[in-house]
Protein backbone atom coordinates (compact mmCIF):
# COMPACT_ATOMS: atom_id res chain seq x y z
CA MET A 1 -38.50 -31.76 -53.64
CA SER A 2 -38.59 -28.04 -53.30
CA PHE A 3 -38.00 -26.34 -49.99
CA ASN A 4 -40.05 -23.16 -50.16
CA LEU A 5 -41.10 -22.60 -46.56
CA LYS A 6 -42.10 -19.12 -45.43
CA TYR A 7 -40.56 -19.48 -41.97
CA LYS A 8 -37.31 -21.48 -41.79
CA ARG A 9 -36.85 -20.77 -38.07
CA LEU A 10 -39.37 -22.10 -35.58
CA CYS A 11 -39.80 -21.82 -31.83
CA ILE A 12 -41.05 -25.20 -30.65
CA GLY A 13 -42.32 -26.53 -27.34
CA PRO A 14 -43.04 -24.99 -23.96
CA ASN A 15 -39.48 -23.65 -23.65
CA LYS A 16 -39.67 -22.16 -27.16
CA GLN A 17 -36.53 -23.89 -28.40
CA LEU A 18 -35.24 -22.41 -31.66
CA VAL A 19 -35.06 -24.78 -34.62
CA ASN A 20 -33.48 -23.84 -37.94
CA LEU A 21 -34.96 -25.82 -40.82
CA THR A 22 -32.46 -26.62 -43.58
CA SER A 23 -34.25 -28.92 -46.03
CA LEU A 24 -37.42 -30.87 -46.75
CA LEU A 25 -36.87 -34.61 -46.21
CA ALA A 26 -40.31 -36.02 -46.97
CA GLU A 27 -43.80 -34.95 -47.93
CA GLY A 28 -46.95 -36.99 -47.38
CA GLY A 29 -50.69 -36.68 -47.64
CA ASN A 30 -51.08 -34.71 -44.42
CA GLY A 31 -47.63 -33.66 -43.31
CA PHE A 32 -44.02 -32.78 -43.93
CA VAL A 33 -40.70 -33.84 -42.40
CA TYR A 34 -37.88 -31.29 -42.36
CA GLU A 35 -34.19 -31.59 -41.52
CA GLY A 36 -32.81 -28.95 -39.20
CA THR A 37 -30.71 -28.07 -36.18
CA MET A 38 -31.67 -27.19 -32.61
CA GLU A 39 -29.49 -25.42 -30.07
CA LEU A 40 -29.35 -27.20 -26.73
CA GLU A 41 -27.85 -25.75 -23.58
CA GLU A 42 -25.31 -27.84 -21.72
CA GLU A 43 -24.74 -27.36 -18.03
CA ASN A 44 -21.06 -27.70 -17.11
CA ASP A 45 -20.28 -29.17 -13.70
CA GLY A 46 -16.65 -28.01 -13.83
CA ASN A 47 -15.22 -31.53 -14.15
CA THR A 48 -14.89 -31.69 -17.93
CA ASP A 49 -13.90 -29.44 -20.79
CA LYS A 50 -17.29 -29.99 -22.41
CA GLY A 51 -19.49 -26.92 -22.16
CA LYS A 52 -16.78 -24.52 -21.00
CA VAL A 53 -17.02 -21.03 -22.41
CA LYS A 54 -13.98 -18.89 -23.11
CA ARG A 55 -14.27 -15.15 -22.62
CA GLY A 56 -11.11 -13.18 -23.09
CA GLY A 57 -9.07 -16.37 -22.83
CA VAL A 58 -10.59 -17.28 -19.44
CA LYS A 59 -12.40 -20.58 -19.02
CA LEU A 60 -15.56 -20.16 -16.97
CA LEU A 61 -16.33 -23.25 -14.93
CA GLY A 62 -19.93 -24.03 -14.19
CA SER A 63 -21.15 -21.97 -17.14
CA LYS A 64 -23.65 -22.96 -19.78
CA GLY A 65 -22.53 -23.98 -23.24
CA ARG A 66 -24.55 -24.43 -26.39
CA ARG A 67 -24.32 -27.10 -29.01
CA LYS A 68 -26.29 -27.63 -32.20
CA VAL A 69 -27.83 -31.03 -32.67
CA PRO A 70 -29.35 -32.36 -35.89
CA VAL A 71 -33.12 -32.84 -35.70
CA ALA A 72 -36.03 -33.92 -37.85
CA VAL A 73 -39.19 -31.83 -37.53
CA LYS A 74 -42.50 -33.42 -38.41
CA ARG A 75 -45.34 -31.01 -39.14
CA MET A 76 -48.75 -32.60 -39.57
CA LEU A 77 -51.89 -30.99 -40.89
CA LEU A 78 -54.71 -32.34 -38.74
CA MET A 79 -58.13 -31.67 -40.21
CA ASP A 80 -60.35 -33.26 -37.56
CA THR A 81 -60.36 -34.58 -34.03
CA GLN A 82 -59.74 -38.16 -35.16
CA ALA A 83 -56.50 -37.09 -36.85
CA LEU A 84 -55.59 -35.15 -33.70
CA GLU A 85 -56.07 -38.27 -31.57
CA VAL A 86 -53.89 -40.31 -33.95
CA ALA A 87 -51.15 -37.67 -33.62
CA ARG A 88 -51.41 -37.70 -29.81
CA VAL A 89 -51.08 -41.50 -29.78
CA GLU A 90 -47.99 -41.23 -32.00
CA ILE A 91 -46.47 -38.68 -29.59
CA GLU A 92 -47.19 -40.95 -26.63
CA VAL A 93 -45.59 -43.95 -28.38
CA MET A 94 -42.49 -41.85 -29.15
CA ARG A 95 -42.27 -40.82 -25.48
CA ARG A 96 -42.43 -44.45 -24.38
CA LEU A 97 -39.70 -45.45 -26.83
CA LYS A 98 -37.34 -42.72 -25.65
CA GLY A 99 -33.83 -44.03 -25.04
CA ARG A 100 -34.24 -47.17 -27.15
CA GLU A 101 -31.48 -47.95 -29.62
CA GLY A 102 -32.35 -47.42 -33.27
CA ILE A 103 -35.32 -45.15 -32.54
CA VAL A 104 -35.39 -41.46 -33.43
CA GLN A 105 -35.62 -39.58 -30.12
CA LEU A 106 -38.54 -37.26 -29.44
CA LEU A 107 -37.03 -34.06 -28.04
CA VAL A 108 -40.02 -31.73 -28.11
CA ASP A 109 -43.65 -32.09 -29.05
CA GLU A 110 -46.27 -29.43 -29.50
CA VAL A 111 -49.81 -29.36 -30.88
CA VAL A 112 -50.84 -25.97 -32.22
CA GLU A 113 -54.42 -25.30 -33.17
CA ILE A 114 -54.68 -22.99 -36.15
CA ASN A 115 -58.17 -23.71 -37.42
CA ASN A 116 -60.79 -23.05 -34.77
CA ASP A 117 -63.49 -24.78 -36.81
CA ARG A 118 -67.01 -25.17 -35.39
CA LYS A 119 -67.14 -28.87 -36.27
CA VAL A 120 -63.87 -29.52 -34.41
CA ARG A 121 -65.09 -27.58 -31.35
CA ARG A 122 -68.40 -29.48 -31.38
CA GLU A 123 -66.62 -32.86 -31.63
CA ARG A 124 -64.32 -31.94 -28.74
CA ARG A 125 -67.25 -30.79 -26.60
CA GLU A 126 -69.20 -33.99 -27.33
CA ARG A 127 -66.17 -36.16 -26.53
CA ARG A 128 -65.59 -34.27 -23.27
CA GLU A 129 -69.26 -34.65 -22.30
CA ARG A 130 -69.16 -38.41 -23.05
CA ARG A 131 -66.03 -38.77 -20.93
CA GLU A 132 -67.64 -36.85 -18.05
CA ARG A 133 -70.77 -39.03 -18.24
CA SER A 134 -68.70 -42.22 -18.19
CA GLU A 135 -66.69 -41.04 -15.17
CA SER A 136 -69.81 -40.27 -13.10
């Protein structure tokens, strides 16, 4: 598999966490899975050595530290609202499975709309109108 991605650094999620993509793990019909690293901030409570930052040989207690964690980034190409709903269900399932042993942990999720297609907008409007009618 080739790894020819235009942008190998992404800002993901509401906090715009930086992810560095290192390689392509898998490629499917409508998406890609990349291997990468994400920097996470650690808050130090002053009781452990973990997260301490040295500046000029001085340990700063209560400071923030950073560590890089390995991540997998799944990018899906969603062509219609049905595919979008399937992706949202997958995200919800991953949230519910958080903390379970043997399950890849969902750290950040984000849905970005690139194609503002008329058909997609019409389907969303119709779905919203049906939901509003059923609620009233």
